[in-house]
Amino acid sequence: SNAVKHNPPGITISVTLTRVNDQACIRVLDNGKG
C-alpha cells in the first residue's frame, strides 16, 4: 500500500522471495518517484 499511495498510476511493483542460507529474503521494488 505504501508503494501505491506514494506513486502515480502506471508504475510497476515487483515482489521477489528467495532463500539465502538459513534466511528468507523478501524484496519489494517499484520504479516510482523514489
PDB file of all heavy atoms in Angstrom:
ATOM      1  N   SER A   1       0.828  -1.209   0.000  1.00  0.00           N
ATOM      2  CA  SER A   1       0.000   0.000   0.000  1.00  0.00           C
ATOM      3  C   SER A   1       0.857   1.252   0.000  1.00  0.00           C
ATOM      4  O   SER A   1       0.492   2.274  -0.587  1.00  0.00           O
ATOM      5  CB  SER A   1      -0.939  -0.017   1.204  1.00  0.00           C
ATOM      6  OG  SER A   1      -0.187   0.027   2.411  1.00  0.00           O
ATOM      7  N   ASN A   2       2.009   1.199   0.680  1.00  0.00           N
ATOM      8  CA  ASN A   2       2.928   2.335   0.686  1.00  0.00           C
ATOM      9  C   ASN A   2       3.419   2.634  -0.724  1.00  0.00           C
ATOM     10  O   ASN A   2       3.533   3.795  -1.123  1.00  0.00           O
ATOM     11  CB  ASN A   2       4.105   2.030   1.613  1.00  0.00           C
ATOM     12  CG  ASN A   2       5.014   3.245   1.792  1.00  0.00           C
ATOM     13  OD1 ASN A   2       4.663   4.181   2.466  1.00  0.00           O
ATOM     14  ND2 ASN A   2       6.196   3.184   1.169  1.00  0.00           N
ATOM     15  N   ALA A   3       3.692   1.565  -1.511  1.00  0.00           N
ATOM     16  CA  ALA A   3       4.144   1.756  -2.892  1.00  0.00           C
ATOM     17  C   ALA A   3       3.030   2.364  -3.754  1.00  0.00           C
ATOM     18  O   ALA A   3       3.312   3.177  -4.659  1.00  0.00           O
ATOM     19  CB  ALA A   3       4.589   0.423  -3.481  1.00  0.00           C
ATOM     20  N   VAL A   4       1.774   2.005  -3.479  1.00  0.00           N
ATOM     21  CA  VAL A   4       0.659   2.536  -4.262  1.00  0.00           C
ATOM     22  C   VAL A   4       0.365   3.980  -3.863  1.00  0.00           C
ATOM     23  O   VAL A   4       0.157   4.858  -4.707  1.00  0.00           O
ATOM     24  CB  VAL A   4      -0.588   1.650  -4.058  1.00  0.00           C
ATOM     25  CG1 VAL A   4      -1.821   2.308  -4.696  1.00  0.00           C
ATOM     26  CG2 VAL A   4      -0.360   0.270  -4.649  1.00  0.00           C
ATOM     27  N   LYS A   5       0.334   4.262  -2.549  1.00  0.00           N
ATOM     28  CA  LYS A   5      -0.050   5.587  -2.078  1.00  0.00           C
ATOM     29  C   LYS A   5       0.907   6.671  -2.540  1.00  0.00           C
ATOM     30  O   LYS A   5       0.497   7.797  -2.831  1.00  0.00           O
ATOM     31  CB  LYS A   5      -0.104   5.600  -0.548  1.00  0.00           C
ATOM     32  CG  LYS A   5      -1.259   4.815   0.040  1.00  0.00           C
ATOM     33  CD  LYS A   5      -1.179   4.853   1.553  1.00  0.00           C
ATOM     34  CE  LYS A   5      -2.302   4.005   2.175  1.00  0.00           C
ATOM     35  NZ  LYS A   5      -2.214   3.993   3.659  1.00  0.00           N
ATOM     36  N   HIS A   6       2.186   6.360  -2.549  1.00  0.00           N
ATOM     37  CA  HIS A   6       3.204   7.397  -2.782  1.00  0.00           C
ATOM     38  C   HIS A   6       3.707   7.439  -4.216  1.00  0.00           C
ATOM     39  O   HIS A   6       4.716   8.083  -4.473  1.00  0.00           O
ATOM     40  CB  HIS A   6       4.376   7.181  -1.827  1.00  0.00           C
ATOM     41  CG  HIS A   6       4.008   7.335  -0.380  1.00  0.00           C
ATOM     42  ND1 HIS A   6       3.886   8.551   0.229  1.00  0.00           N
ATOM     43  CD2 HIS A   6       3.688   6.417   0.565  1.00  0.00           C
ATOM     44  CE1 HIS A   6       3.541   8.393   1.499  1.00  0.00           C
ATOM     45  NE2 HIS A   6       3.409   7.089   1.719  1.00  0.00           N
ATOM     46  N   ASN A   7       3.016   6.747  -5.135  1.00  0.00           N
ATOM     47  CA  ASN A   7       3.443   6.748  -6.536  1.00  0.00           C
ATOM     48  C   ASN A   7       2.229   6.946  -7.440  1.00  0.00           C
ATOM     49  O   ASN A   7       1.104   6.519  -7.111  1.00  0.00           O
ATOM     50  CB  ASN A   7       4.135   5.433  -6.891  1.00  0.00           C
ATOM     51  CG  ASN A   7       5.507   5.318  -6.246  1.00  0.00           C
ATOM     52  OD1 ASN A   7       6.381   6.131  -6.487  1.00  0.00           O
ATOM     53  ND2 ASN A   7       5.673   4.295  -5.387  1.00  0.00           N
ATOM     54  N   PRO A   8       2.445   7.562  -8.600  1.00  0.00           N
ATOM     55  CA  PRO A   8       1.336   7.770  -9.543  1.00  0.00           C
ATOM     56  C   PRO A   8       0.953   6.469 -10.243  1.00  0.00           C
ATOM     57  O   PRO A   8       1.726   5.512 -10.238  1.00  0.00           O
ATOM     58  CB  PRO A   8       1.922   8.797 -10.518  1.00  0.00           C
ATOM     59  CG  PRO A   8       3.389   8.549 -10.490  1.00  0.00           C
ATOM     60  CD  PRO A   8       3.707   8.137  -9.078  1.00  0.00           C
ATOM     61  N   PRO A   9      -0.223   6.405 -10.873  1.00  0.00           N
ATOM     62  CA  PRO A   9      -0.608   5.208 -11.636  1.00  0.00           C
ATOM     63  C   PRO A   9       0.368   4.934 -12.777  1.00  0.00           C
ATOM     64  O   PRO A   9       1.061   5.822 -13.267  1.00  0.00           O
ATOM     65  CB  PRO A   9      -2.004   5.569 -12.165  1.00  0.00           C
ATOM     66  CG  PRO A   9      -2.506   6.622 -11.239  1.00  0.00           C
ATOM     67  CD  PRO A   9      -1.309   7.409 -10.830  1.00  0.00           C
ATOM     68  N   GLY A  10       0.439   3.649 -13.176  1.00  0.00           N
ATOM     69  CA  GLY A  10       1.284   3.254 -14.289  1.00  0.00           C
ATOM     70  C   GLY A  10       2.629   2.678 -13.881  1.00  0.00           C
ATOM     71  O   GLY A  10       3.391   2.220 -14.732  1.00  0.00           O
ATOM     72  N   ILE A  11       2.959   2.678 -12.560  1.00  0.00           N
ATOM     73  CA  ILE A  11       4.255   2.139 -12.128  1.00  0.00           C
ATOM     74  C   ILE A  11       4.159   0.631 -12.002  1.00  0.00           C
ATOM     75  O   ILE A  11       3.066   0.049 -11.975  1.00  0.00           O
ATOM     76  CB  ILE A  11       4.708   2.764 -10.788  1.00  0.00           C
ATOM     77  CG1 ILE A  11       3.776   2.270  -9.665  1.00  0.00           C
ATOM     78  CG2 ILE A  11       4.749   4.275 -10.865  1.00  0.00           C
ATOM     79  CD1 ILE A  11       4.327   2.515  -8.290  1.00  0.00           C
ATOM     80  N   THR A  12       5.311  -0.009 -11.925  1.00  0.00           N
ATOM     81  CA  THR A  12       5.383  -1.455 -11.755  1.00  0.00           C
ATOM     82  C   THR A  12       5.940  -1.748 -10.365  1.00  0.00           C
ATOM     83  O   THR A  12       6.955  -1.168  -9.944  1.00  0.00           O
ATOM     84  CB  THR A  12       6.300  -2.091 -12.813  1.00  0.00           C
ATOM     85  OG1 THR A  12       5.773  -1.796 -14.117  1.00  0.00           O
ATOM     86  CG2 THR A  12       6.408  -3.595 -12.611  1.00  0.00           C
ATOM     87  N   ILE A  13       5.275  -2.658  -9.656  1.00  0.00           N
ATOM     88  CA  ILE A  13       5.694  -3.063  -8.305  1.00  0.00           C
ATOM     89  C   ILE A  13       6.053  -4.536  -8.374  1.00  0.00           C
ATOM     90  O   ILE A  13       5.196  -5.373  -8.678  1.00  0.00           O
ATOM     91  CB  ILE A  13       4.579  -2.822  -7.273  1.00  0.00           C
ATOM     92  CG1 ILE A  13       4.179  -1.332  -7.269  1.00  0.00           C
ATOM     93  CG2 ILE A  13       5.030  -3.280  -5.894  1.00  0.00           C
ATOM     94  CD1 ILE A  13       2.947  -1.042  -6.438  1.00  0.00           C
ATOM     95  N   SER A  14       7.359  -4.839  -8.089  1.00  0.00           N
ATOM     96  CA  SER A  14       7.854  -6.212  -8.190  1.00  0.00           C
ATOM     97  C   SER A  14       8.160  -6.740  -6.796  1.00  0.00           C
ATOM     98  O   SER A  14       8.794  -6.044  -5.980  1.00  0.00           O
ATOM     99  CB  SER A  14       9.120  -6.280  -9.048  1.00  0.00           C
ATOM    100  OG  SER A  14       8.847  -5.808 -10.355  1.00  0.00           O
ATOM    101  N   VAL A  15       7.728  -7.984  -6.540  1.00  0.00           N
ATOM    102  CA  VAL A  15       7.976  -8.643  -5.266  1.00  0.00           C
ATOM    103  C   VAL A  15       8.710  -9.944  -5.538  1.00  0.00           C
ATOM    104  O   VAL A  15       8.246 -10.755  -6.368  1.00  0.00           O
ATOM    105  CB  VAL A  15       6.663  -8.923  -4.504  1.00  0.00           C
ATOM    106  CG1 VAL A  15       6.966  -9.616  -3.182  1.00  0.00           C
ATOM    107  CG2 VAL A  15       5.882  -7.634  -4.281  1.00  0.00           C
ATOM    108  N   THR A  16       9.851 -10.162  -4.852  1.00  0.00           N
ATOM    109  CA  THR A  16      10.619 -11.397  -5.012  1.00  0.00           C
ATOM    110  C   THR A  16      10.850 -12.024  -3.643  1.00  0.00           C
ATOM    111  O   THR A  16      10.981 -11.323  -2.639  1.00  0.00           O
ATOM    112  CB  THR A  16      11.981 -11.136  -5.683  1.00  0.00           C
ATOM    113  OG1 THR A  16      12.747 -10.262  -4.844  1.00  0.00           O
ATOM    114  CG2 THR A  16      11.808 -10.504  -7.061  1.00  0.00           C
ATOM    115  N   LEU A  17      10.910 -13.355  -3.623  1.00  0.00           N
ATOM    116  CA  LEU A  17      11.175 -14.107  -2.401  1.00  0.00           C
ATOM    117  C   LEU A  17      12.251 -15.129  -2.692  1.00  0.00           C
ATOM    118  O   LEU A  17      12.094 -15.968  -3.593  1.00  0.00           O
ATOM    119  CB  LEU A  17       9.907 -14.806  -1.903  1.00  0.00           C
ATOM    120  CG  LEU A  17      10.084 -15.731  -0.696  1.00  0.00           C
ATOM    121  CD1 LEU A  17      10.543 -14.950   0.522  1.00  0.00           C
ATOM    122  CD2 LEU A  17       8.784 -16.477  -0.400  1.00  0.00           C
ATOM    123  N   THR A  18      13.349 -15.080  -1.951  1.00  0.00           N
ATOM    124  CA  THR A  18      14.455 -16.021  -2.151  1.00  0.00           C
ATOM    125  C   THR A  18      14.912 -16.543  -0.802  1.00  0.00           C
ATOM    126  O   THR A  18      14.637 -15.947   0.253  1.00  0.00           O
ATOM    127  CB  THR A  18      15.643 -15.350  -2.865  1.00  0.00           C
ATOM    128  OG1 THR A  18      16.075 -14.223  -2.087  1.00  0.00           O
ATOM    129  CG2 THR A  18      15.262 -14.896  -4.259  1.00  0.00           C
ATOM    130  N   ARG A  19      15.634 -17.661  -0.852  1.00  0.00           N
ATOM    131  CA  ARG A  19      16.217 -18.257   0.344  1.00  0.00           C
ATOM    132  C   ARG A  19      17.731 -18.185   0.219  1.00  0.00           C
ATOM    133  O   ARG A  19      18.309 -18.677  -0.757  1.00  0.00           O
ATOM    134  CB  ARG A  19      15.771 -19.714   0.520  1.00  0.00           C
ATOM    135  CG  ARG A  19      16.321 -20.381   1.774  1.00  0.00           C
ATOM    136  CD  ARG A  19      16.004 -21.867   1.757  1.00  0.00           C
ATOM    137  NE  ARG A  19      16.480 -22.521   2.965  1.00  0.00           N
ATOM    138  CZ  ARG A  19      15.708 -22.900   3.980  1.00  0.00           C
ATOM    139  NH1 ARG A  19      14.397 -22.687   3.921  1.00  0.00           N
ATOM    140  NH2 ARG A  19      16.220 -23.474   5.036  1.00  0.00           N
ATOM    141  N   VAL A  20      18.400 -17.573   1.219  1.00  0.00           N
ATOM    142  CA  VAL A  20      19.858 -17.451   1.246  1.00  0.00           C
ATOM    143  C   VAL A  20      20.350 -18.060   2.548  1.00  0.00           C
ATOM    144  O   VAL A  20      20.089 -17.515   3.630  1.00  0.00           O
ATOM    145  CB  VAL A  20      20.308 -15.977   1.132  1.00  0.00           C
ATOM    146  CG1 VAL A  20      21.825 -15.898   1.159  1.00  0.00           C
ATOM    147  CG2 VAL A  20      19.744 -15.333  -0.119  1.00  0.00           C
ATOM    148  N   ASN A  21      21.006 -19.215   2.408  1.00  0.00           N
ATOM    149  CA  ASN A  21      21.460 -19.965   3.582  1.00  0.00           C
ATOM    150  C   ASN A  21      20.271 -20.270   4.491  1.00  0.00           C
ATOM    151  O   ASN A  21      19.322 -20.929   4.082  1.00  0.00           O
ATOM    152  CB  ASN A  21      22.567 -19.206   4.324  1.00  0.00           C
ATOM    153  CG  ASN A  21      23.798 -19.016   3.451  1.00  0.00           C
ATOM    154  OD1 ASN A  21      24.104 -19.881   2.623  1.00  0.00           O
ATOM    155  ND2 ASN A  21      24.491 -17.902   3.616  1.00  0.00           N
ATOM    156  N   ASP A  22      20.292 -19.761   5.723  1.00  0.00           N
ATOM    157  CA  ASP A  22      19.193 -20.025   6.655  1.00  0.00           C
ATOM    158  C   ASP A  22      18.295 -18.817   6.823  1.00  0.00           C
ATOM    159  O   ASP A  22      17.660 -18.634   7.859  1.00  0.00           O
ATOM    160  CB  ASP A  22      19.754 -20.432   8.028  1.00  0.00           C
ATOM    161  CG  ASP A  22      20.453 -21.770   7.974  1.00  0.00           C
ATOM    162  OD1 ASP A  22      20.061 -22.593   7.127  1.00  0.00           O
ATOM    163  OD2 ASP A  22      21.385 -21.983   8.782  1.00  0.00           O
ATOM    164  N   GLN A  23      18.236 -17.981   5.794  1.00  0.00           N
ATOM    165  CA  GLN A  23      17.421 -16.774   5.880  1.00  0.00           C
ATOM    166  C   GLN A  23      16.529 -16.650   4.655  1.00  0.00           C
ATOM    167  O   GLN A  23      16.891 -17.049   3.538  1.00  0.00           O
ATOM    168  CB  GLN A  23      18.316 -15.527   5.985  1.00  0.00           C
ATOM    169  CG  GLN A  23      19.096 -15.449   7.296  1.00  0.00           C
ATOM    170  CD  GLN A  23      19.978 -14.219   7.354  1.00  0.00           C
ATOM    171  OE1 GLN A  23      20.551 -13.823   6.336  1.00  0.00           O
ATOM    172  NE2 GLN A  23      20.088 -13.625   8.528  1.00  0.00           N
ATOM    173  N   ALA A  24      15.342 -16.060   4.893  1.00  0.00           N
ATOM    174  CA  ALA A  24      14.413 -15.769   3.794  1.00  0.00           C
ATOM    175  C   ALA A  24      14.483 -14.281   3.494  1.00  0.00           C
ATOM    176  O   ALA A  24      14.469 -13.449   4.403  1.00  0.00           O
ATOM    177  CB  ALA A  24      12.997 -16.156   4.197  1.00  0.00           C
ATOM    178  N   CYS A  25      14.555 -13.934   2.195  1.00  0.00           N
ATOM    179  CA  CYS A  25      14.723 -12.536   1.788  1.00  0.00           C
ATOM    180  C   CYS A  25      13.535 -12.125   0.916  1.00  0.00           C
ATOM    181  O   CYS A  25      13.278 -12.733  -0.130  1.00  0.00           O
ATOM    182  CB  CYS A  25      16.040 -12.370   1.038  1.00  0.00           C
ATOM    183  SG  CYS A  25      16.365 -10.684   0.516  1.00  0.00           S
ATOM    184  N   ILE A  26      12.822 -11.079   1.340  1.00  0.00           N
ATOM    185  CA  ILE A  26      11.698 -10.509   0.589  1.00  0.00           C
ATOM    186  C   ILE A  26      12.125  -9.140   0.084  1.00  0.00           C
ATOM    187  O   ILE A  26      12.581  -8.293   0.864  1.00  0.00           O
ATOM    188  CB  ILE A  26      10.450 -10.366   1.475  1.00  0.00           C
ATOM    189  CG1 ILE A  26      10.063 -11.708   2.118  1.00  0.00           C
ATOM    190  CG2 ILE A  26       9.287  -9.799   0.669  1.00  0.00           C
ATOM    191  CD1 ILE A  26       8.965 -11.580   3.149  1.00  0.00           C
ATOM    192  N   ARG A  27      11.951  -8.918  -1.245  1.00  0.00           N
ATOM    193  CA  ARG A  27      12.265  -7.621  -1.840  1.00  0.00           C
ATOM    194  C   ARG A  27      11.012  -7.063  -2.495  1.00  0.00           C
ATOM    195  O   ARG A  27      10.347  -7.748  -3.289  1.00  0.00           O
ATOM    196  CB  ARG A  27      13.385  -7.731  -2.868  1.00  0.00           C
ATOM    197  CG  ARG A  27      14.757  -8.010  -2.261  1.00  0.00           C
ATOM    198  CD  ARG A  27      15.839  -7.939  -3.341  1.00  0.00           C
ATOM    199  NE  ARG A  27      17.166  -8.079  -2.769  1.00  0.00           N
ATOM    200  CZ  ARG A  27      17.765  -9.238  -2.554  1.00  0.00           C
ATOM    201  NH1 ARG A  27      17.136 -10.372  -2.851  1.00  0.00           N
ATOM    202  NH2 ARG A  27      18.980  -9.272  -2.033  1.00  0.00           N
ATOM    203  N   VAL A  28      10.692  -5.788  -2.153  1.00  0.00           N
ATOM    204  CA  VAL A  28       9.571  -5.067  -2.763  1.00  0.00           C
ATOM    205  C   VAL A  28      10.160  -3.863  -3.484  1.00  0.00           C
ATOM    206  O   VAL A  28      10.685  -2.940  -2.849  1.00  0.00           O
ATOM    207  CB  VAL A  28       8.543  -4.625  -1.699  1.00  0.00           C
ATOM    208  CG1 VAL A  28       7.399  -3.864  -2.362  1.00  0.00           C
ATOM    209  CG2 VAL A  28       8.006  -5.827  -0.941  1.00  0.00           C
ATOM    210  N   LEU A  29      10.065  -3.885  -4.844  1.00  0.00           N
ATOM    211  CA  LEU A  29      10.735  -2.878  -5.675  1.00  0.00           C
ATOM    212  C   LEU A  29       9.712  -2.181  -6.558  1.00  0.00           C
ATOM    213  O   LEU A  29       8.849  -2.831  -7.168  1.00  0.00           O
ATOM    214  CB  LEU A  29      11.802  -3.558  -6.537  1.00  0.00           C
ATOM    215  CG  LEU A  29      12.512  -2.691  -7.574  1.00  0.00           C
ATOM    216  CD1 LEU A  29      13.345  -1.614  -6.887  1.00  0.00           C
ATOM    217  CD2 LEU A  29      13.395  -3.556  -8.465  1.00  0.00           C
ATOM    218  N   ASP A  30       9.790  -0.834  -6.597  1.00  0.00           N
ATOM    219  CA  ASP A  30       8.942  -0.075  -7.538  1.00  0.00           C
ATOM    220  C   ASP A  30       9.815   0.892  -8.313  1.00  0.00           C
ATOM    221  O   ASP A  30      10.931   1.210  -7.907  1.00  0.00           O
ATOM    222  CB  ASP A  30       7.835   0.666  -6.770  1.00  0.00           C
ATOM    223  CG  ASP A  30       8.362   1.770  -5.892  1.00  0.00           C
ATOM    224  OD1 ASP A  30       8.904   2.766  -6.401  1.00  0.00           O
ATOM    225  OD2 ASP A  30       8.256   1.644  -4.617  1.00  0.00           O
ATOM    226  N   ASN A  31       9.287   1.344  -9.458  1.00  0.00           N
ATOM    227  CA  ASN A  31      10.013   2.293 -10.315  1.00  0.00           C
ATOM    228  C   ASN A  31       9.354   3.658 -10.290  1.00  0.00           C
ATOM    229  O   ASN A  31       9.309   4.356 -11.306  1.00  0.00           O
ATOM    230  CB  ASN A  31      10.098   1.759 -11.744  1.00  0.00           C
ATOM    231  CG  ASN A  31       8.714   1.509 -12.330  1.00  0.00           C
ATOM    232  OD1 ASN A  31       7.713   1.605 -11.626  1.00  0.00           O
ATOM    233  ND2 ASN A  31       8.651   1.202 -13.630  1.00  0.00           N
ATOM    234  N   GLY A  32       8.839   4.029  -9.122  1.00  0.00           N
ATOM    235  CA  GLY A  32       8.103   5.276  -8.993  1.00  0.00           C
ATOM    236  C   GLY A  32       8.982   6.472  -8.698  1.00  0.00           C
ATOM    237  O   GLY A  32      10.137   6.567  -9.136  1.00  0.00           O
ATOM    238  N   LYS A  33       8.432   7.392  -7.870  1.00  0.00           N
ATOM    239  CA  LYS A  33       9.093   8.680  -7.604  1.00  0.00           C
ATOM    240  C   LYS A  33      10.377   8.535  -6.788  1.00  0.00           C
ATOM    241  O   LYS A  33      11.284   9.347  -6.899  1.00  0.00           O
ATOM    242  CB  LYS A  33       8.140   9.587  -6.819  1.00  0.00           C
ATOM    243  CG  LYS A  33       6.913  10.027  -7.598  1.00  0.00           C
ATOM    244  CD  LYS A  33       6.074  10.925  -6.697  1.00  0.00           C
ATOM    245  CE  LYS A  33       4.843  11.416  -7.417  1.00  0.00           C
ATOM    246  NZ  LYS A  33       4.034  12.309  -6.540  1.00  0.00           N
ATOM    247  N   GLY A  34      10.418   7.527  -5.947  1.00  0.00           N
ATOM    248  CA  GLY A  34      11.546   7.433  -5.024  1.00  0.00           C
ATOM    249  C   GLY A  34      11.406   8.410  -3.866  1.00  0.00           C
ATOM    250  O   GLY A  34      10.384   9.080  -3.705  1.00  0.00           O
TER     251      GLY A  34
END
